[in-house]
Amino acid sequence: MAIFTATASPHSAARPDCAPRHPVPMFCKHMENPLENCLFCKIAAGALPAHKIYEDAEILAFLDLHPIREGHALVIPKEHHVWFEDLPEALATQITTCAQGIARSMKQLYGVERVALFYTGIHVPHAHAHVVPMHHVHDVTSAAYLRDGPESFSAPPQLPSEKMSAIAATLRESF
């Protein structure tokens, strides 16, 4: 398994594009079999369940298990890429286009003025875009997540599966 930290990378000499960029352990995009280790690769392959909103040959959109707000969706490439900046331009565009469609649906369904789109990749080392209907100006700001201090993170609560299924169905139908 190809895991590295900011101080050690088994690929850095042979593959300069794998140079460590983050101080926490991450899975390298060149690992032998991302499906064995990557949560999102498993979801994309159908090995783990997800409340799907959209799917085609290259990307998958599904609900976040710990949503910031109801409807919080993730859009991922099916192919394993750790960093969003390493996505091929056409694939990044496809993810953004999908996110725009989901955002338009969210605006109608939730009556919100804006929908946030951002990439993080901190907790799952697989490029993924968050699409979040913003009911409050601080829905996606640090103020909402630093209640426990800057070195901690409180995950939002998980919604019941039945509720997530209903949300996914509604977004799918309107998308």
C-alpha atoms as a PDB file:
ATOM      1  CA  MET A   1       0.000   0.000   0.000  1.00  0.00           C
ATOM      2  CA  ALA A   2       1.462   3.355  -0.992  1.00  0.00           C
ATOM      3  CA  ILE A   3       0.922   5.669   1.940  1.00  0.00           C
ATOM      4  CA  PHE A   4       3.167   8.624   2.574  1.00  0.00           C
ATOM      5  CA  THR A   5       3.477  11.591   4.904  1.00  0.00           C
ATOM      6  CA  ALA A   6       5.105  14.965   4.544  1.00  0.00           C
ATOM      7  CA  THR A   7       8.422  13.440   5.552  1.00  0.00           C
ATOM      8  CA  ALA A   8       8.502  10.290   3.416  1.00  0.00           C
ATOM      9  CA  SER A   9       7.329   9.331  -0.037  1.00  0.00           C
ATOM     10  CA  PRO A  10       8.285   6.082  -1.722  1.00  0.00           C
ATOM     11  CA  HIS A  11       7.594   7.649  -5.119  1.00  0.00           C
ATOM     12  CA  SER A  12       9.168  11.081  -4.701  1.00  0.00           C
ATOM     13  CA  ALA A  13      12.473  10.173  -6.361  1.00  0.00           C
ATOM     14  CA  ALA A  14      10.963   8.189  -9.236  1.00  0.00           C
ATOM     15  CA  ARG A  15       7.786  10.246  -9.593  1.00  0.00           C
ATOM     16  CA  PRO A  16       8.205  13.948  -8.759  1.00  0.00           C
ATOM     17  CA  ASP A  17       4.430  14.455  -9.170  1.00  0.00           C
ATOM     18  CA  CYS A  18       3.946  12.347  -5.993  1.00  0.00           C
ATOM     19  CA  ALA A  19       5.920  14.709  -3.785  1.00  0.00           C
ATOM     20  CA  PRO A  20       4.158  15.029  -0.435  1.00  0.00           C
ATOM     21  CA  ARG A  21       1.933  18.070  -0.136  1.00  0.00           C
ATOM     22  CA  HIS A  22       0.088  17.468   3.123  1.00  0.00           C
ATOM     23  CA  PRO A  23       1.274  16.643   6.642  1.00  0.00           C
ATOM     24  CA  VAL A  24      -1.217  13.835   7.268  1.00  0.00           C
ATOM     25  CA  PRO A  25      -0.956  10.333   5.755  1.00  0.00           C
ATOM     26  CA  MET A  26      -2.466  10.237   2.287  1.00  0.00           C
ATOM     27  CA  PHE A  27      -2.882   7.546  -0.323  1.00  0.00           C
ATOM     28  CA  CYS A  28      -0.865   8.119  -3.441  1.00  0.00           C
ATOM     29  CA  LYS A  29      -2.765   8.181  -6.728  1.00  0.00           C
ATOM     30  CA  HIS A  30      -0.195   5.730  -8.083  1.00  0.00           C
ATOM     31  CA  MET A  31      -0.886   3.090  -5.426  1.00  0.00           C
ATOM     32  CA  GLU A  32      -1.203  -0.399  -6.801  1.00  0.00           C
ATOM     33  CA  ASN A  33      -4.923  -0.834  -6.095  1.00  0.00           C
ATOM     34  CA  PRO A  34      -6.841   2.211  -4.827  1.00  0.00           C
ATOM     35  CA  LEU A  35     -10.044   0.144  -4.652  1.00  0.00           C
ATOM     36  CA  GLU A  36      -8.627  -1.823  -1.732  1.00  0.00           C
ATOM     37  CA  ASN A  37      -7.979   1.293   0.360  1.00  0.00           C
ATOM     38  CA  CYS A  38     -10.050   4.204  -0.921  1.00  0.00           C
ATOM     39  CA  LEU A  39     -13.574   4.720   0.399  1.00  0.00           C
ATOM     40  CA  PHE A  40     -14.677   6.680  -2.674  1.00  0.00           C
ATOM     41  CA  CYS A  41     -13.175   4.151  -5.109  1.00  0.00           C
ATOM     42  CA  LYS A  42     -15.245   1.497  -3.334  1.00  0.00           C
ATOM     43  CA  ILE A  43     -18.394   3.634  -3.651  1.00  0.00           C
ATOM     44  CA  ALA A  44     -17.659   4.347  -7.342  1.00  0.00           C
ATOM     45  CA  ALA A  45     -17.202   0.612  -7.990  1.00  0.00           C
ATOM     46  CA  GLY A  46     -20.488  -0.216  -6.249  1.00  0.00           C
ATOM     47  CA  ALA A  47     -18.748  -2.123  -3.449  1.00  0.00           C
ATOM     48  CA  LEU A  48     -20.219   0.284  -0.869  1.00  0.00           C
ATOM     49  CA  PRO A  49     -23.717   1.806  -0.933  1.00  0.00           C
ATOM     50  CA  ALA A  50     -24.425   5.481  -1.595  1.00  0.00           C
ATOM     51  CA  HIS A  51     -27.480   7.683  -2.038  1.00  0.00           C
ATOM     52  CA  LYS A  52     -26.788   8.491  -5.685  1.00  0.00           C
ATOM     53  CA  ILE A  53     -27.933  11.658  -7.419  1.00  0.00           C
ATOM     54  CA  TYR A  54     -26.112  11.329 -10.741  1.00  0.00           C
ATOM     55  CA  GLU A  55     -23.810   8.829 -12.403  1.00  0.00           C
ATOM     56  CA  ASP A  56     -22.124   8.419 -15.758  1.00  0.00           C
ATOM     57  CA  ALA A  57     -18.998   6.605 -16.949  1.00  0.00           C
ATOM     58  CA  GLU A  58     -16.563   9.135 -15.415  1.00  0.00           C
ATOM     59  CA  ILE A  59     -18.225  10.723 -12.379  1.00  0.00           C
ATOM     60  CA  LEU A  60     -20.619   9.990  -9.534  1.00  0.00           C
ATOM     61  CA  ALA A  61     -22.658  12.385  -7.370  1.00  0.00           C
ATOM     62  CA  PHE A  62     -24.106  11.190  -4.069  1.00  0.00           C
ATOM     63  CA  LEU A  63     -25.186  12.522  -0.690  1.00  0.00           C
ATOM     64  CA  ASP A  64     -22.594  13.155   2.016  1.00  0.00           C
ATOM     65  CA  LEU A  65     -23.106  10.810   4.995  1.00  0.00           C
ATOM     66  CA  HIS A  66     -22.491  13.699   7.409  1.00  0.00           C
ATOM     67  CA  PRO A  67     -24.138  16.639   5.667  1.00  0.00           C
ATOM     68  CA  ILE A  68     -23.487  20.242   6.576  1.00  0.00           C
ATOM     69  CA  ARG A  69     -27.070  20.841   5.431  1.00  0.00           C
ATOM     70  CA  GLU A  70     -29.778  18.565   4.064  1.00  0.00           C
ATOM     71  CA  GLY A  71     -28.931  17.823   0.434  1.00  0.00           C
ATOM     72  CA  HIS A  72     -25.142  18.216   0.876  1.00  0.00           C
ATOM     73  CA  ALA A  73     -23.745  16.265  -2.077  1.00  0.00           C
ATOM     74  CA  LEU A  74     -20.337  15.074  -3.216  1.00  0.00           C
ATOM     75  CA  VAL A  75     -19.226  14.788  -6.838  1.00  0.00           C
ATOM     76  CA  ILE A  76     -16.267  12.466  -7.412  1.00  0.00           C
ATOM     77  CA  PRO A  77     -14.300  11.165 -10.362  1.00  0.00           C
ATOM     78  CA  LYS A  78     -14.624   7.391 -10.603  1.00  0.00           C
ATOM     79  CA  GLU A  79     -10.924   7.160 -11.400  1.00  0.00           C
ATOM     80  CA  HIS A  80      -8.711   7.639  -8.343  1.00  0.00           C
ATOM     81  CA  HIS A  81      -7.102  11.085  -8.090  1.00  0.00           C
ATOM     82  CA  VAL A  82      -5.905  12.296  -4.693  1.00  0.00           C
ATOM     83  CA  TRP A  83      -5.627  16.015  -5.435  1.00  0.00           C
ATOM     84  CA  PHE A  84      -8.217  18.093  -7.267  1.00  0.00           C
ATOM     85  CA  GLU A  85      -5.473  20.084  -8.987  1.00  0.00           C
ATOM     86  CA  ASP A  86      -4.248  16.841 -10.577  1.00  0.00           C
ATOM     87  CA  LEU A  87      -7.596  16.102 -12.235  1.00  0.00           C
ATOM     88  CA  PRO A  88      -7.447  16.218 -16.026  1.00  0.00           C
ATOM     89  CA  GLU A  89      -9.021  19.502 -17.117  1.00  0.00           C
ATOM     90  CA  ALA A  90     -11.916  17.838 -18.959  1.00  0.00           C
ATOM     91  CA  LEU A  91     -12.763  15.724 -15.901  1.00  0.00           C
ATOM     92  CA  ALA A  92     -12.616  18.749 -13.573  1.00  0.00           C
ATOM     93  CA  THR A  93     -14.955  20.559 -15.964  1.00  0.00           C
ATOM     94  CA  GLN A  94     -17.328  17.590 -15.982  1.00  0.00           C
ATOM     95  CA  ILE A  95     -17.420  17.575 -12.157  1.00  0.00           C
ATOM     96  CA  THR A  96     -18.100  21.324 -12.076  1.00  0.00           C
ATOM     97  CA  THR A  97     -20.839  21.065 -14.704  1.00  0.00           C
ATOM     98  CA  CYS A  98     -22.520  18.305 -12.712  1.00  0.00           C
ATOM     99  CA  ALA A  99     -22.207  20.385  -9.519  1.00  0.00           C
ATOM    100  CA  GLN A 100     -23.834  23.354 -11.288  1.00  0.00           C
ATOM    101  CA  GLY A 101     -26.824  21.212 -12.242  1.00  0.00           C
ATOM    102  CA  ILE A 102     -27.158  19.927  -8.687  1.00  0.00           C
ATOM    103  CA  ALA A 103     -26.835  23.509  -7.377  1.00  0.00           C
ATOM    104  CA  ARG A 104     -29.673  24.707  -9.626  1.00  0.00           C
ATOM    105  CA  SER A 105     -31.858  21.894  -8.308  1.00  0.00           C
ATOM    106  CA  MET A 106     -30.929  22.746  -4.716  1.00  0.00           C
ATOM    107  CA  LYS A 107     -31.869  26.397  -5.205  1.00  0.00           C
ATOM    108  CA  GLN A 108     -35.335  25.379  -6.377  1.00  0.00           C
ATOM    109  CA  LEU A 109     -35.842  22.640  -3.794  1.00  0.00           C
ATOM    110  CA  TYR A 110     -34.516  24.478  -0.751  1.00  0.00           C
ATOM    111  CA  GLY A 111     -35.281  28.083  -1.714  1.00  0.00           C
ATOM    112  CA  VAL A 112     -31.697  29.185  -1.014  1.00  0.00           C
ATOM    113  CA  GLU A 113     -29.981  32.151  -2.633  1.00  0.00           C
ATOM    114  CA  ARG A 114     -26.630  30.421  -3.003  1.00  0.00           C
ATOM    115  CA  VAL A 115     -25.041  26.996  -3.097  1.00  0.00           C
ATOM    116  CA  ALA A 116     -21.409  26.457  -2.111  1.00  0.00           C
ATOM    117  CA  LEU A 117     -18.968  24.415  -4.193  1.00  0.00           C
ATOM    118  CA  PHE A 118     -15.605  23.493  -2.737  1.00  0.00           C
ATOM    119  CA  TYR A 119     -12.960  20.780  -2.757  1.00  0.00           C
ATOM    120  CA  THR A 120     -11.296  19.655   0.454  1.00  0.00           C
ATOM    121  CA  GLY A 121      -9.983  16.083   0.387  1.00  0.00           C
ATOM    122  CA  ILE A 122      -8.842  16.138   3.987  1.00  0.00           C
ATOM    123  CA  HIS A 123     -10.702  13.116   5.331  1.00  0.00           C
ATOM    124  CA  VAL A 124     -10.921  10.984   2.179  1.00  0.00           C
ATOM    125  CA  PRO A 125      -7.834  11.170  -0.062  1.00  0.00           C
ATOM    126  CA  HIS A 126      -9.783  11.092  -3.321  1.00  0.00           C
ATOM    127  CA  ALA A 127     -10.612  14.338  -5.117  1.00  0.00           C
ATOM    128  CA  HIS A 128     -14.194  15.310  -4.364  1.00  0.00           C
ATOM    129  CA  ALA A 129     -16.329  18.414  -4.735  1.00  0.00           C
ATOM    130  CA  HIS A 130     -18.815  19.369  -2.022  1.00  0.00           C
ATOM    131  CA  VAL A 131     -22.087  20.946  -3.174  1.00  0.00           C
ATOM    132  CA  VAL A 132     -23.915  22.490  -0.209  1.00  0.00           C
ATOM    133  CA  PRO A 133     -27.173  24.477  -0.136  1.00  0.00           C
ATOM    134  CA  MET A 134     -26.402  27.492   2.058  1.00  0.00           C
ATOM    135  CA  HIS A 135     -29.238  28.288   4.425  1.00  0.00           C
ATOM    136  CA  HIS A 136     -26.937  30.464   6.538  1.00  0.00           C
ATOM    137  CA  VAL A 137     -23.910  32.561   5.645  1.00  0.00           C
ATOM    138  CA  HIS A 138     -21.690  30.485   7.952  1.00  0.00           C
ATOM    139  CA  ASP A 139     -22.765  27.053   6.694  1.00  0.00           C
ATOM    140  CA  VAL A 140     -19.379  26.443   5.072  1.00  0.00           C
ATOM    141  CA  THR A 141     -17.080  28.730   7.045  1.00  0.00           C
ATOM    142  CA  SER A 142     -14.565  27.794   9.698  1.00  0.00           C
ATOM    143  CA  ALA A 143     -16.788  29.318  12.389  1.00  0.00           C
ATOM    144  CA  ALA A 144     -19.204  26.418  11.958  1.00  0.00           C
ATOM    145  CA  TYR A 145     -16.492  23.774  12.462  1.00  0.00           C
ATOM    146  CA  LEU A 146     -14.071  25.145  15.012  1.00  0.00           C
ATOM    147  CA  ARG A 147     -16.271  24.981  18.090  1.00  0.00           C
ATOM    148  CA  ASP A 148     -13.881  22.386  19.543  1.00  0.00           C
ATOM    149  CA  GLY A 149     -10.756  24.392  18.687  1.00  0.00           C
ATOM    150  CA  PRO A 150      -8.600  24.697  15.551  1.00  0.00           C
ATOM    151  CA  GLU A 151      -7.042  21.225  15.886  1.00  0.00           C
ATOM    152  CA  SER A 152     -10.380  19.432  16.210  1.00  0.00           C
ATOM    153  CA  PHE A 153     -13.381  18.773  14.010  1.00  0.00           C
ATOM    154  CA  SER A 154     -16.903  17.788  14.937  1.00  0.00           C
ATOM    155  CA  ALA A 155     -18.585  15.894  12.116  1.00  0.00           C
ATOM    156  CA  PRO A 156     -22.149  16.972  11.435  1.00  0.00           C
ATOM    157  CA  PRO A 157     -24.733  14.358  12.431  1.00  0.00           C
ATOM    158  CA  GLN A 158     -25.732  11.653   9.981  1.00  0.00           C
ATOM    159  CA  LEU A 159     -29.294  11.756   8.668  1.00  0.00           C
ATOM    160  CA  PRO A 160     -31.461   8.615   8.799  1.00  0.00           C
ATOM    161  CA  SER A 161     -31.107   6.426   5.692  1.00  0.00           C
ATOM    162  CA  GLU A 162     -34.792   6.808   4.752  1.00  0.00           C
ATOM    163  CA  LYS A 163     -34.448  10.608   4.796  1.00  0.00           C
ATOM    164  CA  MET A 164     -31.298  10.441   2.674  1.00  0.00           C
ATOM    165  CA  SER A 165     -33.021   8.152   0.166  1.00  0.00           C
ATOM    166  CA  ALA A 166     -35.886  10.643  -0.141  1.00  0.00           C
ATOM    167  CA  ILE A 167     -33.487  13.582  -0.570  1.00  0.00           C
ATOM    168  CA  ALA A 168     -31.461  11.730  -3.222  1.00  0.00           C
ATOM    169  CA  ALA A 169     -34.615  10.787  -5.122  1.00  0.00           C
ATOM    170  CA  THR A 170     -35.874  14.381  -5.076  1.00  0.00           C
ATOM    171  CA  LEU A 171     -32.539  15.764  -6.307  1.00  0.00           C
ATOM    172  CA  ARG A 172     -32.250  13.059  -8.976  1.00  0.00           C
ATOM    173  CA  GLU A 173     -35.726  13.837 -10.295  1.00  0.00           C
ATOM    174  CA  SER A 174     -35.114  17.583 -10.456  1.00  0.00           C
ATOM    175  CA  PHE A 175     -31.588  17.314 -11.887  1.00  0.00           C
END
